[in-house]
Amino acid sequence: MNFLAHFHLAQHTDASRVGALLGDFARGTPESLLERFPPEVVGGIVLHRAIDRFTDDHPIFLETKKLLHPSRKRFAGIIVDIIFDHFLAHSWTDYSEVPLPSFISDMHGILKRHRSWLTPELAAMIERMVEENWLGTYGTIPGLALTFRRVSQRRDFLAPLVGAEEDLTAHYHSFSRAFRRFYPELLEFAREENPGGAFSSP
């Protein structure tokens, strides 16, 4: 899953939510990470990794990847992660009592308060995330297109991500059905892995 889902699935603490972001960037075993981060941040990183493993191996996720154009097959996991964040944002009130703008504002505040836990490169990315409101753009097709362009600019080999929103529009209902079948199962998995996580509560 992408940033929005990982924040949503984290515990209701600053440390867990920072860990939910760091899961894409921090390398090493949980034991080695404890030398750099507080235990609860490491717990957020571990949960992020568990969610990614669950997602990558799930039959619904694997089947959904087949909806993408063959030219994007190599990046299917990244693309479907982002598309599922689109549906989470689009149907946010089904999964959270906190309005999405308020939730996003809270996440921005948490990341700003804890810059000391971030690498310089990640801190710079957070500044762009807040300034360009990445989390708030996922819920629309134009916003999704912008997200794919941003991701494609990180490395030259990611160029095929540009235009991936066309796959979504071509198979919108199939993607939507897949998300609505998959996300409740992910919520249940995260609940078992992480008692006290966000889910449908504030």
Protein backbone atom coordinates (compact mmCIF):
# COMPACT_ATOMS: atom_id res chain seq x y z
CA MET A 1 0.00 0.00 0.00
CA ASN A 2 0.98 3.62 -0.42
CA PHE A 3 1.46 6.47 2.09
CA LEU A 4 -2.19 7.17 2.92
CA ALA A 5 -3.06 3.57 3.74
CA HIS A 6 0.06 3.08 5.85
CA PHE A 7 -0.75 6.18 7.89
CA HIS A 8 -4.34 4.97 8.28
CA LEU A 9 -3.24 1.53 9.49
CA ALA A 10 -0.71 2.79 12.02
CA GLN A 11 -1.40 3.18 15.72
CA HIS A 12 -2.68 6.54 16.96
CA THR A 13 0.75 7.76 18.03
CA ASP A 14 3.29 10.04 16.42
CA ALA A 15 6.00 7.38 16.59
CA SER A 16 3.93 4.67 14.93
CA ARG A 17 2.89 6.96 12.09
CA VAL A 18 6.43 8.14 11.46
CA GLY A 19 7.41 4.48 11.40
CA ALA A 20 4.64 3.86 8.88
CA LEU A 21 6.39 6.30 6.54
CA LEU A 22 9.91 5.12 7.32
CA GLY A 23 8.97 1.58 6.32
CA ASP A 24 9.71 2.53 2.71
CA PHE A 25 13.07 4.09 3.53
CA ALA A 26 14.66 2.57 6.65
CA ARG A 27 16.83 -0.49 6.00
CA GLY A 28 18.02 -3.11 8.44
CA THR A 29 16.69 -5.61 10.94
CA PRO A 30 14.39 -4.45 13.74
CA GLU A 31 17.29 -4.98 16.15
CA SER A 32 19.62 -2.75 14.15
CA LEU A 33 16.92 -0.12 13.69
CA LEU A 34 16.60 0.17 17.48
CA GLU A 35 20.04 1.77 17.42
CA ARG A 36 18.59 4.66 15.38
CA PHE A 37 14.94 4.95 16.35
CA PRO A 38 12.73 4.65 19.44
CA PRO A 39 11.05 1.23 19.86
CA GLU A 40 7.61 2.49 18.83
CA VAL A 41 8.98 3.92 15.58
CA VAL A 42 10.57 0.55 14.87
CA GLY A 43 7.20 -1.06 15.63
CA GLY A 44 5.67 1.14 12.93
CA ILE A 45 8.36 0.11 10.46
CA VAL A 46 7.80 -3.58 11.25
CA LEU A 47 4.04 -3.17 10.77
CA HIS A 48 4.63 -1.42 7.43
CA ARG A 49 6.75 -4.35 6.26
CA ALA A 50 4.13 -6.87 7.38
CA ILE A 51 1.40 -4.97 5.51
CA ASP A 52 3.53 -4.90 2.36
CA ARG A 53 4.14 -8.66 2.54
CA PHE A 54 0.45 -9.36 3.10
CA THR A 55 -0.48 -7.12 0.18
CA ASP A 56 2.12 -8.40 -2.27
CA ASP A 57 1.11 -12.02 -1.68
CA HIS A 58 -2.66 -11.53 -1.60
CA PRO A 59 -4.61 -13.19 -4.44
CA ILE A 60 -6.80 -10.13 -5.02
CA PHE A 61 -3.75 -7.89 -5.34
CA LEU A 62 -2.02 -10.34 -7.68
CA GLU A 63 -5.12 -10.60 -9.86
CA THR A 64 -5.60 -6.82 -9.93
CA LYS A 65 -2.08 -6.31 -11.29
CA LYS A 66 -3.19 -8.10 -14.45
CA LEU A 67 -5.51 -5.18 -15.30
CA LEU A 68 -2.53 -3.00 -16.16
CA HIS A 69 -1.13 -2.53 -19.64
CA PRO A 70 1.72 -4.98 -20.40
CA SER A 71 4.15 -2.08 -20.81
CA ARG A 72 3.71 -1.34 -17.10
CA LYS A 73 3.88 -4.94 -15.87
CA ARG A 74 7.28 -4.41 -14.26
CA PHE A 75 5.82 -1.66 -12.05
CA ALA A 76 2.42 -3.24 -11.41
CA GLY A 77 2.92 -3.44 -7.65
CA ILE A 78 3.77 0.25 -7.33
CA ILE A 79 0.88 1.27 -9.56
CA VAL A 80 -1.76 -0.81 -7.81
CA ASP A 81 -0.52 0.45 -4.42
CA ILE A 82 -1.14 4.01 -5.58
CA ILE A 83 -4.48 3.16 -7.20
CA PHE A 84 -5.66 1.56 -3.96
CA ASP A 85 -4.74 4.78 -2.12
CA HIS A 86 -6.98 6.53 -4.65
CA PHE A 87 -9.91 4.38 -3.60
CA LEU A 88 -9.11 4.80 0.08
CA ALA A 89 -9.16 8.57 -0.35
CA HIS A 90 -12.25 8.45 -2.56
CA SER A 91 -14.20 6.35 -0.04
CA TRP A 92 -12.49 7.65 3.10
CA THR A 93 -15.70 8.08 5.13
CA ASP A 94 -16.30 4.33 4.84
CA TYR A 95 -13.13 3.68 6.82
CA SER A 96 -12.60 6.63 9.16
CA GLU A 97 -14.69 8.97 11.28
CA VAL A 98 -12.03 11.67 10.95
CA PRO A 99 -12.51 13.90 7.87
CA LEU A 100 -9.75 13.33 5.36
CA PRO A 101 -8.48 16.96 5.36
CA SER A 102 -8.18 16.82 9.17
CA PHE A 103 -6.38 13.48 9.01
CA ILE A 104 -3.93 14.81 6.41
CA SER A 105 -3.28 17.93 8.48
CA ASP A 106 -2.56 15.74 11.50
CA MET A 107 -0.09 13.60 9.51
CA HIS A 108 1.69 16.71 8.23
CA GLY A 109 1.98 18.02 11.78
CA ILE A 110 3.40 14.74 13.06
CA LEU A 111 6.06 14.61 10.35
CA LYS A 112 7.06 18.22 10.95
CA ARG A 113 7.35 17.66 14.72
CA HIS A 114 9.67 14.71 14.32
CA ARG A 115 12.13 15.77 11.64
CA SER A 116 14.93 14.41 13.85
CA TRP A 117 13.74 10.88 13.02
CA LEU A 118 14.03 11.52 9.27
CA THR A 119 17.03 11.45 6.96
CA PRO A 120 17.82 14.77 5.22
CA GLU A 121 16.56 13.31 1.94
CA LEU A 122 13.32 12.16 3.53
CA ALA A 123 12.85 15.49 5.34
CA ALA A 124 13.12 17.27 1.98
CA MET A 125 10.55 14.88 0.52
CA ILE A 126 8.20 15.62 3.42
CA GLU A 127 8.45 19.32 2.66
CA ARG A 128 7.30 18.60 -0.90
CA MET A 129 4.59 16.25 0.36
CA VAL A 130 3.14 18.97 2.55
CA GLU A 131 3.58 21.83 0.07
CA GLU A 132 2.04 19.89 -2.82
CA ASN A 133 -0.52 18.07 -0.64
CA TRP A 134 0.32 14.64 -1.99
CA LEU A 135 -2.07 12.84 0.35
CA GLY A 136 -4.91 15.12 -0.69
CA THR A 137 -4.46 14.54 -4.42
CA TYR A 138 -4.97 10.78 -4.46
CA GLY A 139 -8.76 10.96 -4.57
CA THR A 140 -9.11 12.36 -8.09
CA ILE A 141 -7.95 11.09 -11.47
CA PRO A 142 -5.98 14.30 -12.25
CA GLY A 143 -4.40 14.04 -8.81
CA LEU A 144 -3.50 10.43 -9.46
CA ALA A 145 -1.94 11.35 -12.80
CA LEU A 146 0.16 13.95 -11.00
CA THR A 147 1.23 11.33 -8.46
CA PHE A 148 2.37 8.95 -11.19
CA ARG A 149 4.38 11.77 -12.80
CA ARG A 150 6.01 12.61 -9.48
CA VAL A 151 6.98 9.00 -8.84
CA SER A 152 8.31 8.59 -12.38
CA GLN A 153 10.69 11.49 -11.81
CA ARG A 154 12.50 9.73 -8.95
CA ARG A 155 14.43 7.46 -11.36
CA ASP A 156 14.72 7.32 -15.14
CA PHE A 157 13.61 3.69 -15.28
CA LEU A 158 10.27 4.65 -13.69
CA ALA A 159 9.19 6.60 -16.79
CA PRO A 160 6.52 3.99 -17.75
CA LEU A 161 4.47 5.06 -14.71
CA VAL A 162 3.44 8.21 -16.59
CA GLY A 163 -0.07 7.63 -17.88
CA ALA A 164 -0.86 4.73 -15.55
CA GLU A 165 -4.10 6.49 -14.62
CA GLU A 166 -5.33 5.46 -18.08
CA ASP A 167 -5.37 1.84 -16.88
CA LEU A 168 -7.50 2.91 -13.94
CA THR A 169 -10.03 4.73 -16.09
CA ALA A 170 -10.17 1.79 -18.51
CA HIS A 171 -10.94 -0.69 -15.72
CA TYR A 172 -12.31 1.58 -13.02
CA HIS A 173 -15.09 -0.68 -11.74
CA SER A 174 -12.80 -3.71 -11.65
CA PHE A 175 -10.21 -1.81 -9.62
CA SER A 176 -12.93 -0.48 -7.33
CA ARG A 177 -14.36 -3.94 -6.68
CA ALA A 178 -10.88 -5.29 -6.00
CA PHE A 179 -10.16 -2.58 -3.47
CA ARG A 180 -13.47 -3.03 -1.66
CA ARG A 181 -12.84 -6.76 -1.39
CA PHE A 182 -9.21 -6.38 -0.38
CA TYR A 183 -9.11 -3.49 2.08
CA PRO A 184 -11.39 -5.04 4.73
CA GLU A 185 -9.10 -8.08 4.74
CA LEU A 186 -6.08 -5.81 5.11
CA LEU A 187 -7.79 -4.01 7.98
CA GLU A 188 -8.38 -7.30 9.74
CA PHE A 189 -4.79 -8.37 9.18
CA ALA A 190 -3.47 -5.07 10.52
CA ARG A 191 -5.83 -5.28 13.50
CA GLU A 192 -4.33 -8.65 14.41
CA GLU A 193 -0.78 -7.42 13.87
CA ASN A 194 -1.36 -4.06 15.52
CA PRO A 195 -4.10 -3.90 18.22
CA GLY A 196 -5.21 -0.30 18.61
CA GLY A 197 -4.57 0.77 15.01
CA ALA A 198 -6.62 3.38 13.13
CA PHE A 199 -9.11 1.42 11.04
CA SER A 200 -12.58 3.02 11.19
CA SER A 201 -12.04 4.98 14.39
CA PRO A 202 -10.60 8.50 14.89
